Amino acid sequence: MENTKFRYGAVSSVYELEADNKLTAYAAMCCHFDRSSHLIALYEPKEVVKDDSWLNPSGKIAKRLDEIFGGNGSFERYLEEHREDIVKAYKSIKQIM
């Protein structure tokens, strides 16, 4: 399966990573920003990320991530069940701005 490039960032930094699906990309983004993942803005690909924003300056994103990942507790389950793919996507991160 071909990987897709995803662009995201926070404040004035922009990053790019490659993943085979959006959930793996989003999980890698959250790992990248760790406790600041509530500040992530999704940029590309527009057709995939347009309805998936979880940007929330107040920091309350757990419920939104579970919505995106498929229901209550699904984000944590995804992290556990797709660890290898998430690590691979994480290792592809490049700062582009």
PDB file of N, CA and C in Angstrom:
ATOM      1  N   MET A   1       0.843  -1.180   0.000  1.00  0.00           N
ATOM      2  CA  MET A   1       0.000   0.000   0.000  1.00  0.00           C
ATOM      3  C   MET A   1       0.889   1.245   0.000  1.00  0.00           C
ATOM      4  N   GLU A   2       0.537   2.215  -0.797  1.00  0.00           N
ATOM      5  CA  GLU A   2       1.312   3.451  -0.910  1.00  0.00           C
ATOM      6  C   GLU A   2       0.999   4.387   0.252  1.00  0.00           C
ATOM      7  N   ASN A   3       2.046   5.020   0.769  1.00  0.00           N
ATOM      8  CA  ASN A   3       1.868   5.966   1.863  1.00  0.00           C
ATOM      9  C   ASN A   3       1.400   7.317   1.347  1.00  0.00           C
ATOM     10  N   THR A   4       0.713   8.035   2.207  1.00  0.00           N
ATOM     11  CA  THR A   4       0.233   9.382   1.923  1.00  0.00           C
ATOM     12  C   THR A   4       1.028  10.353   2.771  1.00  0.00           C
ATOM     13  N   LYS A   5       1.333  11.514   2.210  1.00  0.00           N
ATOM     14  CA  LYS A   5       2.009  12.558   2.979  1.00  0.00           C
ATOM     15  C   LYS A   5       0.961  13.411   3.682  1.00  0.00           C
ATOM     16  N   PHE A   6       1.192  13.648   4.958  1.00  0.00           N
ATOM     17  CA  PHE A   6       0.323  14.474   5.787  1.00  0.00           C
ATOM     18  C   PHE A   6       1.130  15.662   6.276  1.00  0.00           C
ATOM     19  N   ARG A   7       0.544  16.855   6.211  1.00  0.00           N
ATOM     20  CA  ARG A   7       1.182  18.062   6.748  1.00  0.00           C
ATOM     21  C   ARG A   7       0.358  18.566   7.918  1.00  0.00           C
ATOM     22  N   TYR A   8       1.079  18.969   8.955  1.00  0.00           N
ATOM     23  CA  TYR A   8       0.441  19.430  10.181  1.00  0.00           C
ATOM     24  C   TYR A   8       1.418  20.349  10.897  1.00  0.00           C
ATOM     25  N   GLY A   9       0.947  21.039  11.896  1.00  0.00           N
ATOM     26  CA  GLY A   9       1.845  21.892  12.652  1.00  0.00           C
ATOM     27  C   GLY A   9       1.177  22.531  13.837  1.00  0.00           C
ATOM     28  N   ALA A  10       1.957  23.371  14.499  1.00  0.00           N
ATOM     29  CA  ALA A  10       1.472  24.142  15.635  1.00  0.00           C
ATOM     30  C   ALA A  10       2.262  25.439  15.673  1.00  0.00           C
ATOM     31  N   VAL A  11       1.573  26.499  16.006  1.00  0.00           N
ATOM     32  CA  VAL A  11       2.150  27.842  16.029  1.00  0.00           C
ATOM     33  C   VAL A  11       2.747  28.116  14.655  1.00  0.00           C
ATOM     34  N   SER A  12       4.051  28.305  14.519  1.00  0.00           N
ATOM     35  CA  SER A  12       4.628  28.623  13.209  1.00  0.00           C
ATOM     36  C   SER A  12       5.427  27.472  12.619  1.00  0.00           C
ATOM     37  N   SER A  13       5.387  26.312  13.227  1.00  0.00           N
ATOM     38  CA  SER A  13       6.116  25.151  12.717  1.00  0.00           C
ATOM     39  C   SER A  13       5.192  24.271  11.884  1.00  0.00           C
ATOM     40  N   VAL A  14       5.737  23.740  10.788  1.00  0.00           N
ATOM     41  CA  VAL A  14       4.982  22.823   9.935  1.00  0.00           C
ATOM     42  C   VAL A  14       5.835  21.580   9.730  1.00  0.00           C
ATOM     43  N   TYR A  15       5.179  20.432   9.820  1.00  0.00           N
ATOM     44  CA  TYR A  15       5.851  19.139   9.683  1.00  0.00           C
ATOM     45  C   TYR A  15       5.142  18.311   8.626  1.00  0.00           C
ATOM     46  N   GLU A  16       5.849  17.296   8.157  1.00  0.00           N
ATOM     47  CA  GLU A  16       5.287  16.357   7.196  1.00  0.00           C
ATOM     48  C   GLU A  16       5.655  14.957   7.655  1.00  0.00           C
ATOM     49  N   LEU A  17       4.721  14.036   7.504  1.00  0.00           N
ATOM     50  CA  LEU A  17       5.016  12.632   7.765  1.00  0.00           C
ATOM     51  C   LEU A  17       4.309  11.791   6.726  1.00  0.00           C
ATOM     52  N   GLU A  18       4.721  10.534   6.628  1.00  0.00           N
ATOM     53  CA  GLU A  18       4.099   9.606   5.697  1.00  0.00           C
ATOM     54  C   GLU A  18       3.485   8.453   6.475  1.00  0.00           C
ATOM     55  N   ALA A  19       2.270   8.083   6.087  1.00  0.00           N
ATOM     56  CA  ALA A  19       1.579   6.962   6.723  1.00  0.00           C
ATOM     57  C   ALA A  19       0.641   6.320   5.713  1.00  0.00           C
ATOM     58  N   ASP A  20       0.272   5.064   5.975  1.00  0.00           N
ATOM     59  CA  ASP A  20      -0.605   4.373   5.032  1.00  0.00           C
ATOM     60  C   ASP A  20      -2.073   4.684   5.258  1.00  0.00           C
ATOM     61  N   ASN A  21      -2.408   5.387   6.361  1.00  0.00           N
ATOM     62  CA  ASN A  21      -3.779   5.819   6.573  1.00  0.00           C
ATOM     63  C   ASN A  21      -3.804   6.985   7.555  1.00  0.00           C
ATOM     64  N   LYS A  22      -4.926   7.672   7.591  1.00  0.00           N
ATOM     65  CA  LYS A  22      -5.002   8.889   8.394  1.00  0.00           C
ATOM     66  C   LYS A  22      -4.936   8.615   9.892  1.00  0.00           C
ATOM     67  N   LEU A  23      -5.484   7.508  10.355  1.00  0.00           N
ATOM     68  CA  LEU A  23      -5.453   7.242  11.794  1.00  0.00           C
ATOM     69  C   LEU A  23      -4.031   7.013  12.294  1.00  0.00           C
ATOM     70  N   THR A  24      -3.241   6.293  11.511  1.00  0.00           N
ATOM     71  CA  THR A  24      -1.841   6.102  11.872  1.00  0.00           C
ATOM     72  C   THR A  24      -1.112   7.436  11.856  1.00  0.00           C
ATOM     73  N   ALA A  25      -1.399   8.262  10.867  1.00  0.00           N
ATOM     74  CA  ALA A  25      -0.778   9.594  10.794  1.00  0.00           C
ATOM     75  C   ALA A  25      -1.166  10.430  12.009  1.00  0.00           C
ATOM     76  N   TYR A  26      -2.440  10.451  12.344  1.00  0.00           N
ATOM     77  CA  TYR A  26      -2.907  11.257  13.482  1.00  0.00           C
ATOM     78  C   TYR A  26      -2.286  10.777  14.793  1.00  0.00           C
ATOM     79  N   ALA A  27      -2.176   9.461  14.951  1.00  0.00           N
ATOM     80  CA  ALA A  27      -1.574   8.916  16.170  1.00  0.00           C
ATOM     81  C   ALA A  27      -0.098   9.323  16.263  1.00  0.00           C
ATOM     82  N   ALA A  28       0.614   9.265  15.139  1.00  0.00           N
ATOM     83  CA  ALA A  28       2.024   9.674  15.136  1.00  0.00           C
ATOM     84  C   ALA A  28       2.161  11.167  15.441  1.00  0.00           C
ATOM     85  N   MET A  29       1.248  11.981  14.911  1.00  0.00           N
ATOM     86  CA  MET A  29       1.257  13.417  15.207  1.00  0.00           C
ATOM     87  C   MET A  29       1.086  13.661  16.707  1.00  0.00           C
ATOM     88  N   CYS A  30       0.148  12.948  17.302  1.00  0.00           N
ATOM     89  CA  CYS A  30      -0.101  13.109  18.742  1.00  0.00           C
ATOM     90  C   CYS A  30       1.108  12.666  19.556  1.00  0.00           C
ATOM     91  N   CYS A  31       1.769  11.595  19.130  1.00  0.00           N
ATOM     92  CA  CYS A  31       2.989  11.173  19.819  1.00  0.00           C
ATOM     93  C   CYS A  31       4.080  12.225  19.664  1.00  0.00           C
ATOM     94  N   HIS A  32       4.167  12.803  18.494  1.00  0.00           N
ATOM     95  CA  HIS A  32       5.170  13.841  18.229  1.00  0.00           C
ATOM     96  C   HIS A  32       4.986  15.043  19.152  1.00  0.00           C
ATOM     97  N   PHE A  33       3.765  15.504  19.296  1.00  0.00           N
ATOM     98  CA  PHE A  33       3.510  16.694  20.105  1.00  0.00           C
ATOM     99  C   PHE A  33       3.221  16.371  21.576  1.00  0.00           C
ATOM    100  N   ASP A  34       3.011  15.105  21.888  1.00  0.00           N
ATOM    101  CA  ASP A  34       2.811  14.629  23.253  1.00  0.00           C
ATOM    102  C   ASP A  34       1.786  15.476  24.002  1.00  0.00           C
ATOM    103  N   ARG A  35       2.164  16.144  25.047  1.00  0.00           N
ATOM    104  CA  ARG A  35       1.219  16.903  25.879  1.00  0.00           C
ATOM    105  C   ARG A  35       0.718  18.186  25.216  1.00  0.00           C
ATOM    106  N   SER A  36       1.251  18.508  24.059  1.00  0.00           N
ATOM    107  CA  SER A  36       0.781  19.687  23.322  1.00  0.00           C
ATOM    108  C   SER A  36      -0.011  19.298  22.074  1.00  0.00           C
ATOM    109  N   SER A  37      -0.439  18.046  21.999  1.00  0.00           N
ATOM    110  CA  SER A  37      -1.143  17.593  20.789  1.00  0.00           C
ATOM    111  C   SER A  37      -2.475  18.304  20.577  1.00  0.00           C
ATOM    112  N   HIS A  38      -2.967  18.996  21.579  1.00  0.00           N
ATOM    113  CA  HIS A  38      -4.209  19.770  21.425  1.00  0.00           C
ATOM    114  C   HIS A  38      -3.993  21.013  20.558  1.00  0.00           C
ATOM    115  N   LEU A  39      -2.727  21.331  20.259  1.00  0.00           N
ATOM    116  CA  LEU A  39      -2.403  22.511  19.442  1.00  0.00           C
ATOM    117  C   LEU A  39      -2.167  22.174  17.971  1.00  0.00           C
ATOM    118  N   ILE A  40      -2.293  20.915  17.606  1.00  0.00           N
ATOM    119  CA  ILE A  40      -2.017  20.490  16.231  1.00  0.00           C
ATOM    120  C   ILE A  40      -3.098  21.003  15.278  1.00  0.00           C
ATOM    121  N   ALA A  41      -2.627  21.606  14.201  1.00  0.00           N
ATOM    122  CA  ALA A  41      -3.499  22.009  13.093  1.00  0.00           C
ATOM    123  C   ALA A  41      -3.196  21.081  11.920  1.00  0.00           C
ATOM    124  N   LEU A  42      -4.227  20.543  11.292  1.00  0.00           N
ATOM    125  CA  LEU A  42      -4.074  19.656  10.143  1.00  0.00           C
ATOM    126  C   LEU A  42      -4.133  20.482   8.869  1.00  0.00           C
ATOM    127  N   TYR A  43      -3.200  20.242   7.946  1.00  0.00           N
ATOM    128  CA  TYR A  43      -3.139  21.017   6.709  1.00  0.00           C
ATOM    129  C   TYR A  43      -3.394  20.201   5.446  1.00  0.00           C
ATOM    130  N   GLU A  44      -2.745  19.065   5.305  1.00  0.00           N
ATOM    131  CA  GLU A  44      -2.862  18.273   4.069  1.00  0.00           C
ATOM    132  C   GLU A  44      -2.789  16.793   4.388  1.00  0.00           C
ATOM    133  N   PRO A  45      -3.394  15.969   3.538  1.00  0.00           N
ATOM    134  CA  PRO A  45      -4.180  16.274   2.355  1.00  0.00           C
ATOM    135  C   PRO A  45      -5.573  16.789   2.737  1.00  0.00           C
ATOM    136  N   LYS A  46      -5.980  17.833   2.094  1.00  0.00           N
ATOM    137  CA  LYS A  46      -7.226  18.517   2.446  1.00  0.00           C
ATOM    138  C   LYS A  46      -8.447  17.600   2.399  1.00  0.00           C
ATOM    139  N   GLU A  47      -8.499  16.694   1.432  1.00  0.00           N
ATOM    140  CA  GLU A  47      -9.662  15.816   1.309  1.00  0.00           C
ATOM    141  C   GLU A  47      -9.770  14.817   2.464  1.00  0.00           C
ATOM    142  N   VAL A  48      -8.692  14.576   3.169  1.00  0.00           N
ATOM    143  CA  VAL A  48      -8.706  13.642   4.288  1.00  0.00           C
ATOM    144  C   VAL A  48      -8.885  14.369   5.614  1.00  0.00           C
ATOM    145  N   VAL A  49      -8.241  15.500   5.787  1.00  0.00           N
ATOM    146  CA  VAL A  49      -8.183  16.149   7.102  1.00  0.00           C
ATOM    147  C   VAL A  49      -9.236  17.233   7.326  1.00  0.00           C
ATOM    148  N   LYS A  50     -10.007  17.593   6.312  1.00  0.00           N
ATOM    149  CA  LYS A  50     -10.900  18.750   6.426  1.00  0.00           C
ATOM    150  C   LYS A  50     -11.916  18.658   7.552  1.00  0.00           C
ATOM    151  N   ASP A  51     -12.386  17.459   7.885  1.00  0.00           N
ATOM    152  CA  ASP A  51     -13.399  17.306   8.928  1.00  0.00           C
ATOM    153  C   ASP A  51     -12.860  16.690  10.221  1.00  0.00           C
ATOM    154  N   ASP A  52     -11.540  16.503  10.310  1.00  0.00           N
ATOM    155  CA  ASP A  52     -10.973  15.769  11.438  1.00  0.00           C
ATOM    156  C   ASP A  52     -10.253  16.625  12.468  1.00  0.00           C
ATOM    157  N   SER A  53     -10.372  17.903  12.431  1.00  0.00           N
ATOM    158  CA  SER A  53      -9.622  18.757  13.353  1.00  0.00           C
ATOM    159  C   SER A  53      -9.941  18.458  14.817  1.00  0.00           C
ATOM    160  N   TRP A  54      -8.902  18.450  15.631  1.00  0.00           N
ATOM    161  CA  TRP A  54      -9.076  18.327  17.082  1.00  0.00           C
ATOM    162  C   TRP A  54      -8.392  19.489  17.804  1.00  0.00           C
ATOM    163  N   LEU A  55      -7.960  20.504  17.047  1.00  0.00           N
ATOM    164  CA  LEU A  55      -7.326  21.690  17.616  1.00  0.00           C
ATOM    165  C   LEU A  55      -8.217  22.286  18.700  1.00  0.00           C
ATOM    166  N   ASN A  56      -7.658  22.417  19.901  1.00  0.00           N
ATOM    167  CA  ASN A  56      -8.431  22.937  21.021  1.00  0.00           C
ATOM    168  C   ASN A  56      -7.471  23.543  22.040  1.00  0.00           C
ATOM    169  N   PRO A  57      -7.305  24.867  22.026  1.00  0.00           N
ATOM    170  CA  PRO A  57      -6.354  25.518  22.939  1.00  0.00           C
ATOM    171  C   PRO A  57      -6.579  25.206  24.414  1.00  0.00           C
ATOM    172  N   SER A  58      -7.782  24.800  24.802  1.00  0.00           N
ATOM    173  CA  SER A  58      -8.033  24.479  26.211  1.00  0.00           C
ATOM    174  C   SER A  58      -7.462  23.114  26.593  1.00  0.00           C
ATOM    175  N   GLY A  59      -7.074  22.319  25.608  1.00  0.00           N
ATOM    176  CA  GLY A  59      -6.436  21.044  25.883  1.00  0.00           C
ATOM    177  C   GLY A  59      -7.362  19.853  26.009  1.00  0.00           C
ATOM    178  N   LYS A  60      -8.640  20.033  25.883  1.00  0.00           N
ATOM    179  CA  LYS A  60      -9.596  18.938  26.052  1.00  0.00           C
ATOM    180  C   LYS A  60      -9.869  18.272  24.696  1.00  0.00           C
ATOM    181  N   ILE A  61      -9.072  17.224  24.392  1.00  0.00           N
ATOM    182  CA  ILE A  61      -9.199  16.587  23.082  1.00  0.00           C
ATOM    183  C   ILE A  61      -9.504  15.099  23.139  1.00  0.00           C
ATOM    184  N   ALA A  62      -9.504  14.489  24.293  1.00  0.00           N
ATOM    185  CA  ALA A  62      -9.691  13.038  24.401  1.00  0.00           C
ATOM    186  C   ALA A  62     -10.998  12.582  23.745  1.00  0.00           C
ATOM    187  N   LYS A  63     -12.081  13.272  24.032  1.00  0.00           N
ATOM    188  CA  LYS A  63     -13.381  12.897  23.463  1.00  0.00           C
ATOM    189  C   LYS A  63     -13.363  13.038  21.945  1.00  0.00           C
ATOM    190  N   ARG A  64     -12.769  14.121  21.442  1.00  0.00           N
ATOM    191  CA  ARG A  64     -12.708  14.353  19.992  1.00  0.00           C
ATOM    192  C   ARG A  64     -11.856  13.284  19.310  1.00  0.00           C
ATOM    193  N   LEU A  65     -10.723  12.930  19.898  1.00  0.00           N
ATOM    194  CA  LEU A  65      -9.891  11.879  19.306  1.00  0.00           C
ATOM    195  C   LEU A  65     -10.630  10.549  19.281  1.00  0.00           C
ATOM    196  N   ASP A  66     -11.360  10.246  20.348  1.00  0.00           N
ATOM    197  CA  ASP A  66     -12.151   9.014  20.342  1.00  0.00           C
ATOM    198  C   ASP A  66     -13.218   9.041  19.242  1.00  0.00           C
ATOM    199  N   GLU A  67     -13.815  10.204  18.987  1.00  0.00           N
ATOM    200  CA  GLU A  67     -14.787  10.320  17.885  1.00  0.00           C
ATOM    201  C   GLU A  67     -14.120   9.999  16.553  1.00  0.00           C
ATOM    202  N   ILE A  68     -12.952  10.574  16.329  1.00  0.00           N
ATOM    203  CA  ILE A  68     -12.233  10.363  15.065  1.00  0.00           C
ATOM    204  C   ILE A  68     -11.820   8.905  14.908  1.00  0.00           C
ATOM    205  N   PHE A  69     -11.379   8.283  16.004  1.00  0.00           N
ATOM    206  CA  PHE A  69     -10.853   6.925  15.949  1.00  0.00           C
ATOM    207  C   PHE A  69     -11.917   5.842  16.079  1.00  0.00           C
ATOM    208  N   GLY A  70     -13.173   6.212  16.366  1.00  0.00           N
ATOM    209  CA  GLY A  70     -14.243   5.231  16.306  1.00  0.00           C
ATOM    210  C   GLY A  70     -15.023   4.944  17.567  1.00  0.00           C
ATOM    211  N   GLY A  71     -14.891   5.737  18.603  1.00  0.00           N
ATOM    212  CA  GLY A  71     -15.712   5.523  19.793  1.00  0.00           C
ATOM    213  C   GLY A  71     -14.916   5.563  21.081  1.00  0.00           C
ATOM    214  N   ASN A  72     -15.604   5.401  22.162  1.00  0.00           N
ATOM    215  CA  ASN A  72     -15.023   5.505  23.496  1.00  0.00           C
ATOM    216  C   ASN A  72     -13.808   4.585  23.672  1.00  0.00           C
ATOM    217  N   GLY A  73     -12.670   5.166  24.020  1.00  0.00           N
ATOM    218  CA  GLY A  73     -11.446   4.404  24.246  1.00  0.00           C
ATOM    219  C   GLY A  73     -10.713   3.969  23.001  1.00  0.00           C
ATOM    220  N   SER A  74     -11.213   4.349  21.832  1.00  0.00           N
ATOM    221  CA  SER A  74     -10.640   3.848  20.574  1.00  0.00           C
ATOM    222  C   SER A  74      -9.260   4.429  20.254  1.00  0.00           C
ATOM    223  N   PHE A  75      -8.989   5.659  20.672  1.00  0.00           N
ATOM    224  CA  PHE A  75      -7.671   6.236  20.408  1.00  0.00           C
ATOM    225  C   PHE A  75      -6.599   5.433  21.141  1.00  0.00           C
ATOM    226  N   GLU A  76      -6.802   5.158  22.401  1.00  0.00           N
ATOM    227  CA  GLU A  76      -5.827   4.377  23.184  1.00  0.00           C
ATOM    228  C   GLU A  76      -5.665   2.968  22.613  1.00  0.00           C
ATOM    229  N   ARG A  77      -6.767   2.346  22.229  1.00  0.00           N
ATOM    230  CA  ARG A  77      -6.687   1.008  21.622  1.00  0.00           C
ATOM    231  C   ARG A  77      -5.889   1.049  20.325  1.00  0.00           C
ATOM    232  N   TYR A  78      -6.135   2.081  19.523  1.00  0.00           N
ATOM    233  CA  TYR A  78      -5.411   2.194  18.254  1.00  0.00           C
ATOM    234  C   TYR A  78      -3.912   2.308  18.511  1.00  0.00           C
ATOM    235  N   LEU A  79      -3.530   3.105  19.502  1.00  0.00           N
ATOM    236  CA  LEU A  79      -2.109   3.247  19.845  1.00  0.00           C
ATOM    237  C   LEU A  79      -1.494   1.895  20.187  1.00  0.00           C
ATOM    238  N   GLU A  80      -2.191   1.096  20.950  1.00  0.00           N
ATOM    239  CA  GLU A  80      -1.693  -0.217  21.360  1.00  0.00           C
ATOM    240  C   GLU A  80      -1.646  -1.204  20.205  1.00  0.00           C
ATOM    241  N   GLU A  81      -2.692  -1.224  19.395  1.00  0.00           N
ATOM    242  CA  GLU A  81      -2.829  -2.233  18.347  1.00  0.00           C
ATOM    243  C   GLU A  81      -2.028  -1.938  17.077  1.00  0.00           C
ATOM    244  N   HIS A  82      -1.615  -0.697  16.879  1.00  0.00           N
ATOM    245  CA  HIS A  82      -0.910  -0.318  15.644  1.00  0.00           C
ATOM    246  C   HIS A  82       0.444   0.323  15.926  1.00  0.00           C
ATOM    247  N   ARG A  83       1.041  -0.089  17.015  1.00  0.00           N
ATOM    248  CA  ARG A  83       2.298   0.504  17.474  1.00  0.00           C
ATOM    249  C   ARG A  83       3.374   0.541  16.383  1.00  0.00           C
ATOM    250  N   GLU A  84       3.608  -0.564  15.682  1.00  0.00           N
ATOM    251  CA  GLU A  84       4.671  -0.620  14.676  1.00  0.00           C
ATOM    252  C   GLU A  84       4.436   0.379  13.543  1.00  0.00           C
ATOM    253  N   ASP A  85       3.217   0.460  13.056  1.00  0.00           N
ATOM    254  CA  ASP A  85       2.907   1.400  11.975  1.00  0.00           C
ATOM    255  C   ASP A  85       3.049   2.848  12.445  1.00  0.00           C
ATOM    256  N   ILE A  86       2.647   3.112  13.683  1.00  0.00           N
ATOM    257  CA  ILE A  86       2.757   4.463  14.234  1.00  0.00           C
ATOM    258  C   ILE A  86       4.229   4.860  14.384  1.00  0.00           C
ATOM    259  N   VAL A  87       5.059   3.943  14.870  1.00  0.00           N
ATOM    260  CA  VAL A  87       6.493   4.216  15.005  1.00  0.00           C
ATOM    261  C   VAL A  87       7.106   4.496  13.634  1.00  0.00           C
ATOM    262  N   LYS A  88       6.716   3.727  12.637  1.00  0.00           N
ATOM    263  CA  LYS A  88       7.230   3.936  11.273  1.00  0.00           C
ATOM    264  C   LYS A  88       6.849   5.337  10.772  1.00  0.00           C
ATOM    265  N   ALA A  89       5.593   5.730  10.972  1.00  0.00           N
ATOM    266  CA  ALA A  89       5.153   7.066  10.564  1.00  0.00           C
ATOM    267  C   ALA A  89       5.896   8.135  11.363  1.00  0.00           C
ATOM    268  N   TYR A  90       6.069   7.924  12.649  1.00  0.00           N
ATOM    269  CA  TYR A  90       6.776   8.869  13.523  1.00  0.00           C
ATOM    270  C   TYR A  90       8.202   9.096  13.023  1.00  0.00           C
ATOM    271  N   LYS A  91       8.852   8.033  12.614  1.00  0.00           N
ATOM    272  CA  LYS A  91      10.235   8.131  12.130  1.00  0.00           C
ATOM    273  C   LYS A  91      10.336   8.886  10.803  1.00  0.00           C
ATOM    274  N   SER A  92       9.220   9.038  10.099  1.00  0.00           N
ATOM    275  CA  SER A  92       9.239   9.754   8.817  1.00  0.00           C
ATOM    276  C   SER A  92       9.049  11.254   8.968  1.00  0.00           C
ATOM    277  N   ILE A  93       8.823  11.740  10.186  1.00  0.00           N
ATOM    278  CA  ILE A  93       8.534  13.166  10.417  1.00  0.00           C
ATOM    279  C   ILE A  93       9.721  14.033  10.003  1.00  0.00           C
ATOM    280  N   LYS A  94       9.383  15.084   9.235  1.00  0.00           N
ATOM    281  CA  LYS A  94      10.366  16.085   8.818  1.00  0.00           C
ATOM    282  C   LYS A  94       9.775  17.465   9.058  1.00  0.00           C
ATOM    283  N   GLN A  95      10.585  18.343   9.600  1.00  0.00           N
ATOM    284  CA  GLN A  95      10.127  19.724   9.741  1.00  0.00           C
ATOM    285  C   GLN A  95      10.334  20.418   8.404  1.00  0.00           C
ATOM    286  N   ILE A  96       9.274  21.049   7.888  1.00  0.00           N
ATOM    287  CA  ILE A  96       9.394  21.702   6.585  1.00  0.00           C
ATOM    288  C   ILE A  96       9.253  23.228   6.683  1.00  0.00           C
ATOM    289  N   MET A  97       8.935  23.717   7.872  1.00  0.00           N
ATOM    290  CA  MET A  97       8.836  25.168   8.054  1.00  0.00           C
ATOM    291  C   MET A  97       8.998  25.519   9.512  1.00  0.00           C
TER     292      MET A  97
END
